[in-house]
Amino acid sequence: MRRRFVTLDVFTTRRFAGNPLAVVLDPGGLDTAAMQTIAREFNLSETVFVFPPADKANRAKLRIFTPARELPFAGHPTVGTAVLLGRIDGGGARTFTLEEQVGLVPCRVTSSGPDSGSASFDIPRLPAKEADSPDVALMAAGLGLAITDMGLDGFTAQRWSAGNPFTFVPVRGLDAIGRCRLDIARFSEAFGSGAHPAAFVFCRETADPGHSFHARMFAPVMGIHEDPATGSAVAAFAGYLAARGGYTDGEHLIGIEQGYEMGRASQIELTLKISGGKLTGAAIAGGAVVVMEGAIEA
């Protein structure tokens, strides 16, 4: 059966940058194994399958797959699919809710042209800290770095999740983050070999002015050696940042750049919502542009 698909570049305003995404629009009749096979065929960080919603008040139900497994939630698939659905619905400014395994995801979409737009979404659940990661030497070895590359302004390595868990690893600056070269055996030892071992390495030094953090994300066990832009990591990063304190009540816009070392420059906007000194919500935003349209036999 021929099934329509569209690819988009996400967390960017131009083609051939950002994080590529495949969206399959006619997945009816596909089982989980077939969807996983199609995701391996596209071989992108994620492939989305768009189903009718369980609740007609919502726009669509999404299932999201990496080349290796299904995810309950992911950021660049949410942004990219929201922009595409806004385009299908006629463009302009729209709001709707997407159903993902993690829960309901409210989205706001604005078209910027016939094949491009931007979207923001409220994270479906507040981030929670899962563990500290005190073995700095082991993490450095897994990332191919020296111990002296590790650490930043009082930040320590911790694992947080807002649907998918990530270990946040602070490093000294762009020179250190640019030298990351994974040692797969040591990486698994440092970051785990379970359902979602992933490292989000970050520093305050940035390539472009106006951004707050520069980042790289590695998840080789999931079939993602390196990801150009990781919205679900940034969703968890909201909790990590808020836990350090220093944010006054109100909203705080934080710009995060990722994918530069891959030649896939991506810009992710994170809005922290603080009340009573605590994180009460967060939103992720970015652009997306259509790259290809076609059909896959499956």
C-alpha atoms as a PDB file:
ATOM      1  CA  MET A   1       0.000   0.000   0.000  1.00  0.00           C
ATOM      2  CA  ARG A   2       1.272   3.458  -0.897  1.00  0.00           C
ATOM      3  CA  ARG A   3       1.374   5.746   2.146  1.00  0.00           C
ATOM      4  CA  ARG A   4       1.989   9.497   1.984  1.00  0.00           C
ATOM      5  CA  PHE A   5       4.944  10.911   3.831  1.00  0.00           C
ATOM      6  CA  VAL A   6       6.516  14.334   4.298  1.00  0.00           C
ATOM      7  CA  THR A   7       9.954  15.181   5.613  1.00  0.00           C
ATOM      8  CA  LEU A   8      10.730  18.430   7.392  1.00  0.00           C
ATOM      9  CA  ASP A   9      13.802  20.058   8.880  1.00  0.00           C
ATOM     10  CA  VAL A  10      12.940  21.115  12.422  1.00  0.00           C
ATOM     11  CA  PHE A  11      14.317  23.708  14.857  1.00  0.00           C
ATOM     12  CA  THR A  12      15.447  25.765  11.893  1.00  0.00           C
ATOM     13  CA  THR A  13      13.992  28.248   9.406  1.00  0.00           C
ATOM     14  CA  ARG A  14      15.925  26.916   6.396  1.00  0.00           C
ATOM     15  CA  ARG A  15      16.155  23.627   4.562  1.00  0.00           C
ATOM     16  CA  PHE A  16      19.118  21.306   5.101  1.00  0.00           C
ATOM     17  CA  ALA A  17      19.722  22.525   8.644  1.00  0.00           C
ATOM     18  CA  GLY A  18      18.052  21.554  11.924  1.00  0.00           C
ATOM     19  CA  ASN A  19      16.874  18.037  12.677  1.00  0.00           C
ATOM     20  CA  PRO A  20      15.275  16.020   9.828  1.00  0.00           C
ATOM     21  CA  LEU A  21      11.920  14.382  10.545  1.00  0.00           C
ATOM     22  CA  ALA A  22       9.760  11.956   8.564  1.00  0.00           C
ATOM     23  CA  VAL A  23       5.976  12.067   9.031  1.00  0.00           C
ATOM     24  CA  VAL A  24       3.827   9.220   7.677  1.00  0.00           C
ATOM     25  CA  LEU A  25       0.279  10.480   7.116  1.00  0.00           C
ATOM     26  CA  ASP A  26      -1.496   7.221   6.153  1.00  0.00           C
ATOM     27  CA  PRO A  27      -0.447   4.635   8.768  1.00  0.00           C
ATOM     28  CA  GLY A  28      -3.755   2.781   9.053  1.00  0.00           C
ATOM     29  CA  GLY A  29      -3.285  -0.979   9.363  1.00  0.00           C
ATOM     30  CA  LEU A  30       0.395  -0.796  10.311  1.00  0.00           C
ATOM     31  CA  ASP A  31       1.370  -2.684  13.445  1.00  0.00           C
ATOM     32  CA  THR A  32       4.201  -1.695  15.772  1.00  0.00           C
ATOM     33  CA  ALA A  33       6.755  -3.932  14.045  1.00  0.00           C
ATOM     34  CA  ALA A  34       5.906  -2.437  10.647  1.00  0.00           C
ATOM     35  CA  MET A  35       6.226   1.109  11.954  1.00  0.00           C
ATOM     36  CA  GLN A  36       9.592   0.261  13.499  1.00  0.00           C
ATOM     37  CA  THR A  37      10.729  -1.168  10.151  1.00  0.00           C
ATOM     38  CA  ILE A  38       9.678   2.012   8.326  1.00  0.00           C
ATOM     39  CA  ALA A  39      11.521   4.139  10.895  1.00  0.00           C
ATOM     40  CA  ARG A  40      14.669   2.092  10.265  1.00  0.00           C
ATOM     41  CA  GLU A  41      14.200   2.640   6.528  1.00  0.00           C
ATOM     42  CA  PHE A  42      14.038   6.421   6.915  1.00  0.00           C
ATOM     43  CA  ASN A  43      16.951   6.168   9.378  1.00  0.00           C
ATOM     44  CA  LEU A  44      16.329   9.637  10.826  1.00  0.00           C
ATOM     45  CA  SER A  45      16.412  10.487  14.521  1.00  0.00           C
ATOM     46  CA  GLU A  46      12.632  10.069  14.598  1.00  0.00           C
ATOM     47  CA  THR A  47       9.753   9.091  12.348  1.00  0.00           C
ATOM     48  CA  VAL A  48       6.163  10.034  13.266  1.00  0.00           C
ATOM     49  CA  PHE A  49       2.979   8.167  12.361  1.00  0.00           C
ATOM     50  CA  VAL A  50      -0.150  10.340  12.443  1.00  0.00           C
ATOM     51  CA  PHE A  51      -3.368   8.580  13.516  1.00  0.00           C
ATOM     52  CA  PRO A  52      -6.866   9.909  14.167  1.00  0.00           C
ATOM     53  CA  PRO A  53      -7.193  11.098  17.775  1.00  0.00           C
ATOM     54  CA  ALA A  54      -8.836   8.988  20.463  1.00  0.00           C
ATOM     55  CA  ASP A  55     -10.738  12.134  21.492  1.00  0.00           C
ATOM     56  CA  LYS A  56     -12.241  14.108  18.603  1.00  0.00           C
ATOM     57  CA  ALA A  57     -11.509  17.338  20.497  1.00  0.00           C
ATOM     58  CA  ASN A  58      -7.810  16.751  19.720  1.00  0.00           C
ATOM     59  CA  ARG A  59      -6.107  17.128  16.347  1.00  0.00           C
ATOM     60  CA  ALA A  60      -4.250  13.810  16.049  1.00  0.00           C
ATOM     61  CA  LYS A  61      -2.597  10.917  17.841  1.00  0.00           C
ATOM     62  CA  LEU A  62       1.145  10.519  17.265  1.00  0.00           C
ATOM     63  CA  ARG A  63       3.370   7.476  17.540  1.00  0.00           C
ATOM     64  CA  ILE A  64       7.073   8.292  17.465  1.00  0.00           C
ATOM     65  CA  PHE A  65       9.929   5.922  16.600  1.00  0.00           C
ATOM     66  CA  THR A  66      13.705   6.191  16.499  1.00  0.00           C
ATOM     67  CA  PRO A  67      15.497   3.679  14.238  1.00  0.00           C
ATOM     68  CA  ALA A  68      15.706   1.357  17.270  1.00  0.00           C
ATOM     69  CA  ARG A  69      12.571   1.861  19.419  1.00  0.00           C
ATOM     70  CA  GLU A  70       9.347   3.731  20.118  1.00  0.00           C
ATOM     71  CA  LEU A  71       9.347   6.863  22.301  1.00  0.00           C
ATOM     72  CA  PRO A  72       6.511   8.108  24.512  1.00  0.00           C
ATOM     73  CA  PHE A  73       7.354  11.731  23.702  1.00  0.00           C
ATOM     74  CA  ALA A  74       9.805  13.762  21.638  1.00  0.00           C
ATOM     75  CA  GLY A  75      10.245  17.447  20.919  1.00  0.00           C
ATOM     76  CA  HIS A  76      11.311  17.816  17.301  1.00  0.00           C
ATOM     77  CA  PRO A  77       8.606  15.358  16.130  1.00  0.00           C
ATOM     78  CA  THR A  78       6.019  17.399  18.040  1.00  0.00           C
ATOM     79  CA  VAL A  79       7.157  20.733  16.551  1.00  0.00           C
ATOM     80  CA  GLY A  80       7.569  19.376  13.027  1.00  0.00           C
ATOM     81  CA  THR A  81       4.273  17.483  12.976  1.00  0.00           C
ATOM     82  CA  ALA A  82       2.417  20.473  14.431  1.00  0.00           C
ATOM     83  CA  VAL A  83       3.770  22.724  11.658  1.00  0.00           C
ATOM     84  CA  LEU A  84       2.814  20.143   9.020  1.00  0.00           C
ATOM     85  CA  LEU A  85      -0.712  19.703  10.399  1.00  0.00           C
ATOM     86  CA  GLY A  86      -1.131  23.480  10.483  1.00  0.00           C
ATOM     87  CA  ARG A  87      -0.133  23.551   6.808  1.00  0.00           C
ATOM     88  CA  ILE A  88      -2.609  20.759   5.975  1.00  0.00           C
ATOM     89  CA  ASP A  89      -5.354  22.640   7.838  1.00  0.00           C
ATOM     90  CA  GLY A  90      -4.863  25.761   5.738  1.00  0.00           C
ATOM     91  CA  GLY A  91      -2.070  27.706   7.417  1.00  0.00           C
ATOM     92  CA  GLY A  92      -2.330  30.849   9.525  1.00  0.00           C
ATOM     93  CA  ALA A  93      -2.280  30.772  13.305  1.00  0.00           C
ATOM     94  CA  ARG A  94      -3.813  27.719  14.956  1.00  0.00           C
ATOM     95  CA  THR A  95      -3.979  25.976  18.310  1.00  0.00           C
ATOM     96  CA  PHE A  96      -4.683  22.293  18.860  1.00  0.00           C
ATOM     97  CA  THR A  97      -3.775  19.367  21.081  1.00  0.00           C
ATOM     98  CA  LEU A  98      -1.785  16.305  20.063  1.00  0.00           C
ATOM     99  CA  GLU A  99      -2.086  12.931  21.784  1.00  0.00           C
ATOM    100  CA  GLU A 100       1.242  11.247  22.583  1.00  0.00           C
ATOM    101  CA  GLN A 101       1.936   8.288  24.832  1.00  0.00           C
ATOM    102  CA  VAL A 102       3.204  10.622  27.560  1.00  0.00           C
ATOM    103  CA  GLY A 103      -0.106  12.527  27.545  1.00  0.00           C
ATOM    104  CA  LEU A 104      -1.808  15.489  25.874  1.00  0.00           C
ATOM    105  CA  VAL A 105       0.448  18.117  24.274  1.00  0.00           C
ATOM    106  CA  PRO A 106      -1.112  21.569  23.627  1.00  0.00           C
ATOM    107  CA  CYS A 107       0.424  23.236  20.539  1.00  0.00           C
ATOM    108  CA  ARG A 108       0.391  26.684  18.961  1.00  0.00           C
ATOM    109  CA  VAL A 109       1.295  26.964  15.265  1.00  0.00           C
ATOM    110  CA  THR A 110       1.955  29.935  12.988  1.00  0.00           C
ATOM    111  CA  SER A 111       2.645  29.624   9.259  1.00  0.00           C
ATOM    112  CA  SER A 112       5.464  31.717   7.803  1.00  0.00           C
ATOM    113  CA  GLY A 113       4.969  30.573   4.184  1.00  0.00           C
ATOM    114  CA  PRO A 114       3.382  27.761   2.171  1.00  0.00           C
ATOM    115  CA  ASP A 115       6.009  25.255   3.330  1.00  0.00           C
ATOM    116  CA  SER A 116       7.262  26.648   6.626  1.00  0.00           C
ATOM    117  CA  GLY A 117       6.161  27.797  10.040  1.00  0.00           C
ATOM    118  CA  SER A 118       6.875  27.707  13.735  1.00  0.00           C
ATOM    119  CA  ALA A 119       5.297  25.858  16.624  1.00  0.00           C
ATOM    120  CA  SER A 120       5.459  25.840  20.377  1.00  0.00           C
ATOM    121  CA  PHE A 121       4.126  23.294  22.807  1.00  0.00           C
ATOM    122  CA  ASP A 122       3.641  23.044  26.538  1.00  0.00           C
ATOM    123  CA  ILE A 123       5.596  20.156  28.001  1.00  0.00           C
ATOM    124  CA  PRO A 124       3.124  17.399  28.927  1.00  0.00           C
ATOM    125  CA  ARG A 125       4.592  16.776  32.369  1.00  0.00           C
ATOM    126  CA  LEU A 126       6.962  18.549  34.714  1.00  0.00           C
ATOM    127  CA  PRO A 127      10.534  17.234  34.744  1.00  0.00           C
ATOM    128  CA  ALA A 128      11.678  15.032  37.616  1.00  0.00           C
ATOM    129  CA  LYS A 129      15.190  14.328  38.805  1.00  0.00           C
ATOM    130  CA  GLU A 130      16.098  10.643  38.590  1.00  0.00           C
ATOM    131  CA  ALA A 131      19.694  10.456  39.837  1.00  0.00           C
ATOM    132  CA  ASP A 132      23.008  12.173  40.371  1.00  0.00           C
ATOM    133  CA  SER A 133      25.923  11.041  38.192  1.00  0.00           C
ATOM    134  CA  PRO A 134      29.003  11.452  40.378  1.00  0.00           C
ATOM    135  CA  ASP A 135      31.535   9.374  38.419  1.00  0.00           C
ATOM    136  CA  VAL A 136      33.103  12.206  36.427  1.00  0.00           C
ATOM    137  CA  ALA A 137      36.058  10.094  35.234  1.00  0.00           C
ATOM    138  CA  LEU A 138      33.779   7.419  33.784  1.00  0.00           C
ATOM    139  CA  MET A 139      31.619   9.968  31.968  1.00  0.00           C
ATOM    140  CA  ALA A 140      34.703  11.694  30.575  1.00  0.00           C
ATOM    141  CA  ALA A 141      36.027   8.370  29.272  1.00  0.00           C
ATOM    142  CA  GLY A 142      32.708   7.549  27.625  1.00  0.00           C
ATOM    143  CA  LEU A 143      32.729  10.907  25.855  1.00  0.00           C
ATOM    144  CA  GLY A 144      36.408  10.779  24.900  1.00  0.00           C
ATOM    145  CA  LEU A 145      37.250  13.766  27.102  1.00  0.00           C
ATOM    146  CA  ALA A 146      39.728  14.509  29.879  1.00  0.00           C
ATOM    147  CA  ILE A 147      38.591  14.987  33.454  1.00  0.00           C
ATOM    148  CA  THR A 148      39.775  18.604  33.206  1.00  0.00           C
ATOM    149  CA  ASP A 149      37.169  19.183  30.458  1.00  0.00           C
ATOM    150  CA  MET A 150      34.332  18.368  32.837  1.00  0.00           C
ATOM    151  CA  GLY A 151      32.297  20.727  35.009  1.00  0.00           C
ATOM    152  CA  LEU A 152      30.897  24.232  34.652  1.00  0.00           C
ATOM    153  CA  ASP A 153      30.085  27.036  37.109  1.00  0.00           C
ATOM    154  CA  GLY A 154      28.765  24.792  39.848  1.00  0.00           C
ATOM    155  CA  PHE A 155      26.699  22.575  37.519  1.00  0.00           C
ATOM    156  CA  THR A 156      26.963  18.858  38.279  1.00  0.00           C
ATOM    157  CA  ALA A 157      25.939  15.884  36.149  1.00  0.00           C
ATOM    158  CA  GLN A 158      22.392  14.674  36.853  1.00  0.00           C
ATOM    159  CA  ARG A 159      19.752  12.582  35.124  1.00  0.00           C
ATOM    160  CA  TRP A 160      16.322  14.173  34.618  1.00  0.00           C
ATOM    161  CA  SER A 161      13.229  13.178  32.659  1.00  0.00           C
ATOM    162  CA  ALA A 162      10.127  14.893  31.301  1.00  0.00           C
ATOM    163  CA  GLY A 163       9.076  11.736  29.454  1.00  0.00           C
ATOM    164  CA  ASN A 164      12.489  10.529  28.270  1.00  0.00           C
ATOM    165  CA  PRO A 165      15.507  10.465  30.642  1.00  0.00           C
ATOM    166  CA  PHE A 166      18.761  12.289  29.864  1.00  0.00           C
ATOM    167  CA  THR A 167      21.986  12.684  31.795  1.00  0.00           C
ATOM    168  CA  PHE A 168      23.013  16.353  31.693  1.00  0.00           C
ATOM    169  CA  VAL A 169      26.779  16.690  31.497  1.00  0.00           C
ATOM    170  CA  PRO A 170      28.329  20.162  31.922  1.00  0.00           C
ATOM    171  CA  VAL A 171      31.686  20.829  30.235  1.00  0.00           C
ATOM    172  CA  ARG A 172      34.053  23.793  30.206  1.00  0.00           C
ATOM    173  CA  GLY A 173      33.380  25.289  26.787  1.00  0.00           C
ATOM    174  CA  LEU A 174      33.157  24.909  23.013  1.00  0.00           C
ATOM    175  CA  ASP A 175      36.629  23.416  22.689  1.00  0.00           C
ATOM    176  CA  ALA A 176      35.768  20.597  25.071  1.00  0.00           C
ATOM    177  CA  ILE A 177      32.314  19.909  23.647  1.00  0.00           C
ATOM    178  CA  GLY A 178      33.748  19.890  20.128  1.00  0.00           C
ATOM    179  CA  ARG A 179      36.208  17.133  21.070  1.00  0.00           C
ATOM    180  CA  CYS A 180      33.559  14.633  22.200  1.00  0.00           C
ATOM    181  CA  ARG A 181      34.253  11.267  20.560  1.00  0.00           C
ATOM    182  CA  LEU A 182      32.227   8.380  21.934  1.00  0.00           C
ATOM    183  CA  ASP A 183      33.803   5.224  23.303  1.00  0.00           C
ATOM    184  CA  ILE A 184      30.708   3.037  23.002  1.00  0.00           C
ATOM    185  CA  ALA A 185      31.696   0.455  25.637  1.00  0.00           C
ATOM    186  CA  ARG A 186      32.614   3.121  28.164  1.00  0.00           C
ATOM    187  CA  PHE A 187      29.596   5.224  27.197  1.00  0.00           C
ATOM    188  CA  SER A 188      27.243   2.391  28.129  1.00  0.00           C
ATOM    189  CA  GLU A 189      29.105   1.904  31.391  1.00  0.00           C
ATOM    190  CA  ALA A 190      28.824   5.601  32.233  1.00  0.00           C
ATOM    191  CA  PHE A 191      25.291   6.323  31.048  1.00  0.00           C
ATOM    192  CA  GLY A 192      23.603   2.917  31.190  1.00  0.00           C
ATOM    193  CA  SER A 193      22.490   0.357  28.638  1.00  0.00           C
ATOM    194  CA  GLY A 194      18.785   0.238  29.521  1.00  0.00           C
ATOM    195  CA  ALA A 195      15.786   1.639  27.680  1.00  0.00           C
ATOM    196  CA  HIS A 196      17.075   5.168  27.138  1.00  0.00           C
ATOM    197  CA  PRO A 197      20.756   5.815  27.923  1.00  0.00           C
ATOM    198  CA  ALA A 198      21.436   9.311  26.624  1.00  0.00           C
ATOM    199  CA  ALA A 199      23.902  12.106  27.371  1.00  0.00           C
ATOM    200  CA  PHE A 200      23.087  15.788  26.849  1.00  0.00           C
ATOM    201  CA  VAL A 201      26.454  17.565  26.980  1.00  0.00           C
ATOM    202  CA  PHE A 202      26.326  21.343  27.354  1.00  0.00           C
ATOM    203  CA  CYS A 203      28.355  24.482  27.996  1.00  0.00           C
ATOM    204  CA  ARG A 204      27.638  28.180  28.410  1.00  0.00           C
ATOM    205  CA  GLU A 205      29.970  29.293  25.622  1.00  0.00           C
ATOM    206  CA  THR A 206      27.977  29.559  22.374  1.00  0.00           C
ATOM    207  CA  ALA A 207      28.721  29.749  18.662  1.00  0.00           C
ATOM    208  CA  ASP A 208      26.057  32.382  17.992  1.00  0.00           C
ATOM    209  CA  PRO A 209      25.430  35.456  20.149  1.00  0.00           C
ATOM    210  CA  GLY A 210      22.173  35.637  22.034  1.00  0.00           C
ATOM    211  CA  HIS A 211      22.012  31.943  22.902  1.00  0.00           C
ATOM    212  CA  SER A 212      22.306  30.725  26.480  1.00  0.00           C
ATOM    213  CA  PHE A 213      23.747  27.217  25.996  1.00  0.00           C
ATOM    214  CA  HIS A 214      25.516  25.106  23.364  1.00  0.00           C
ATOM    215  CA  ALA A 215      24.693  21.377  23.436  1.00  0.00           C
ATOM    216  CA  ARG A 216      25.275  17.969  21.886  1.00  0.00           C
ATOM    217  CA  MET A 217      23.146  14.859  22.525  1.00  0.00           C
ATOM    218  CA  PHE A 218      24.311  11.252  22.158  1.00  0.00           C
ATOM    219  CA  ALA A 219      22.107   8.125  22.385  1.00  0.00           C
ATOM    220  CA  PRO A 220      23.858   5.316  20.447  1.00  0.00           C
ATOM    221  CA  VAL A 221      21.841   2.470  21.965  1.00  0.00           C
ATOM    222  CA  MET A 222      18.687   4.059  20.534  1.00  0.00           C
ATOM    223  CA  GLY A 223      20.162   4.188  17.044  1.00  0.00           C
ATOM    224  CA  ILE A 224      21.007   7.896  17.429  1.00  0.00           C
ATOM    225  CA  HIS A 225      24.770   8.300  17.581  1.00  0.00           C
ATOM    226  CA  GLU A 226      24.247  12.070  17.734  1.00  0.00           C
ATOM    227  CA  ASP A 227      21.044  14.087  17.436  1.00  0.00           C
ATOM    228  CA  PRO A 228      20.976  17.518  15.763  1.00  0.00           C
ATOM    229  CA  ALA A 229      18.248  18.869  18.085  1.00  0.00           C
ATOM    230  CA  THR A 230      16.526  17.204  21.025  1.00  0.00           C
ATOM    231  CA  GLY A 231      13.368  18.873  22.302  1.00  0.00           C
ATOM    232  CA  SER A 232      12.562  16.193  24.881  1.00  0.00           C
ATOM    233  CA  ALA A 233      16.030  16.716  26.392  1.00  0.00           C
ATOM    234  CA  VAL A 234      15.395  20.452  26.557  1.00  0.00           C
ATOM    235  CA  ALA A 235      12.056  19.729  28.266  1.00  0.00           C
ATOM    236  CA  ALA A 236      13.941  17.809  30.976  1.00  0.00           C
ATOM    237  CA  PHE A 237      16.640  20.519  30.994  1.00  0.00           C
ATOM    238  CA  ALA A 238      13.938  22.912  32.223  1.00  0.00           C
ATOM    239  CA  GLY A 239      13.784  21.021  35.510  1.00  0.00           C
ATOM    240  CA  TYR A 240      17.551  20.756  35.776  1.00  0.00           C
ATOM    241  CA  LEU A 241      17.966  24.523  35.286  1.00  0.00           C
ATOM    242  CA  ALA A 242      15.120  25.507  37.585  1.00  0.00           C
ATOM    243  CA  ALA A 243      16.458  23.283  40.378  1.00  0.00           C
ATOM    244  CA  ARG A 244      19.660  25.340  40.507  1.00  0.00           C
ATOM    245  CA  GLY A 245      17.623  28.384  41.518  1.00  0.00           C
ATOM    246  CA  GLY A 246      18.426  31.909  40.500  1.00  0.00           C
ATOM    247  CA  TYR A 247      15.293  32.383  38.413  1.00  0.00           C
ATOM    248  CA  THR A 248      12.781  34.949  39.632  1.00  0.00           C
ATOM    249  CA  ASP A 249       9.056  34.368  39.371  1.00  0.00           C
ATOM    250  CA  GLY A 250       7.770  34.860  35.841  1.00  0.00           C
ATOM    251  CA  GLU A 251       8.795  33.579  32.419  1.00  0.00           C
ATOM    252  CA  HIS A 252      12.395  33.177  31.241  1.00  0.00           C
ATOM    253  CA  LEU A 253      13.341  32.597  27.585  1.00  0.00           C
ATOM    254  CA  ILE A 254      16.462  30.449  27.100  1.00  0.00           C
ATOM    255  CA  GLY A 255      18.022  29.857  23.691  1.00  0.00           C
ATOM    256  CA  ILE A 256      19.805  26.541  23.121  1.00  0.00           C
ATOM    257  CA  GLU A 257      21.916  25.786  20.056  1.00  0.00           C
ATOM    258  CA  GLN A 258      22.622  22.197  18.999  1.00  0.00           C
ATOM    259  CA  GLY A 259      23.773  20.257  15.940  1.00  0.00           C
ATOM    260  CA  TYR A 260      26.532  22.684  14.951  1.00  0.00           C
ATOM    261  CA  GLU A 261      29.250  20.011  14.998  1.00  0.00           C
ATOM    262  CA  MET A 262      27.120  17.941  12.592  1.00  0.00           C
ATOM    263  CA  GLY A 263      26.607  20.764  10.110  1.00  0.00           C
ATOM    264  CA  ARG A 264      22.917  20.818  11.148  1.00  0.00           C
ATOM    265  CA  ALA A 265      22.659  24.060  13.129  1.00  0.00           C
ATOM    266  CA  SER A 266      19.503  24.016  15.260  1.00  0.00           C
ATOM    267  CA  GLN A 267      17.939  26.594  17.566  1.00  0.00           C
ATOM    268  CA  ILE A 268      15.553  25.570  20.344  1.00  0.00           C
ATOM    269  CA  GLU A 269      13.649  28.090  22.461  1.00  0.00           C
ATOM    270  CA  LEU A 270      12.867  27.036  26.024  1.00  0.00           C
ATOM    271  CA  THR A 271      10.529  29.089  28.193  1.00  0.00           C
ATOM    272  CA  LEU A 272      10.703  28.439  31.931  1.00  0.00           C
ATOM    273  CA  LYS A 273       7.627  29.328  33.965  1.00  0.00           C
ATOM    274  CA  ILE A 274       8.540  29.998  37.597  1.00  0.00           C
ATOM    275  CA  SER A 275       6.163  30.670  40.477  1.00  0.00           C
ATOM    276  CA  GLY A 276       7.030  30.664  44.157  1.00  0.00           C
ATOM    277  CA  GLY A 277      10.613  29.911  43.199  1.00  0.00           C
ATOM    278  CA  LYS A 278       9.604  26.622  41.545  1.00  0.00           C
ATOM    279  CA  LEU A 279       9.107  25.423  37.985  1.00  0.00           C
ATOM    280  CA  THR A 280       5.385  25.347  37.233  1.00  0.00           C
ATOM    281  CA  GLY A 281       5.574  24.751  33.493  1.00  0.00           C
ATOM    282  CA  ALA A 282       7.716  25.056  30.394  1.00  0.00           C
ATOM    283  CA  ALA A 283       7.293  25.444  26.670  1.00  0.00           C
ATOM    284  CA  ILE A 284       9.456  24.418  23.713  1.00  0.00           C
ATOM    285  CA  ALA A 285       9.411  26.339  20.424  1.00  0.00           C
ATOM    286  CA  GLY A 286      11.110  26.317  17.050  1.00  0.00           C
ATOM    287  CA  GLY A 287      10.693  26.535  13.310  1.00  0.00           C
ATOM    288  CA  ALA A 288      10.212  23.857  10.663  1.00  0.00           C
ATOM    289  CA  VAL A 289      10.301  23.731   6.876  1.00  0.00           C
ATOM    290  CA  VAL A 290       9.054  21.059   4.450  1.00  0.00           C
ATOM    291  CA  VAL A 291      11.821  19.365   2.453  1.00  0.00           C
ATOM    292  CA  MET A 292      10.312  16.349   0.645  1.00  0.00           C
ATOM    293  CA  GLU A 293       6.902  14.812  -0.077  1.00  0.00           C
ATOM    294  CA  GLY A 294       6.241  11.369  -1.467  1.00  0.00           C
ATOM    295  CA  ALA A 295       4.870   7.896  -0.836  1.00  0.00           C
ATOM    296  CA  ILE A 296       6.340   4.789   0.732  1.00  0.00           C
ATOM    297  CA  GLU A 297       5.192   1.244  -0.063  1.00  0.00           C
ATOM    298  CA  ALA A 298       4.393  -0.525   3.207  1.00  0.00           C
END
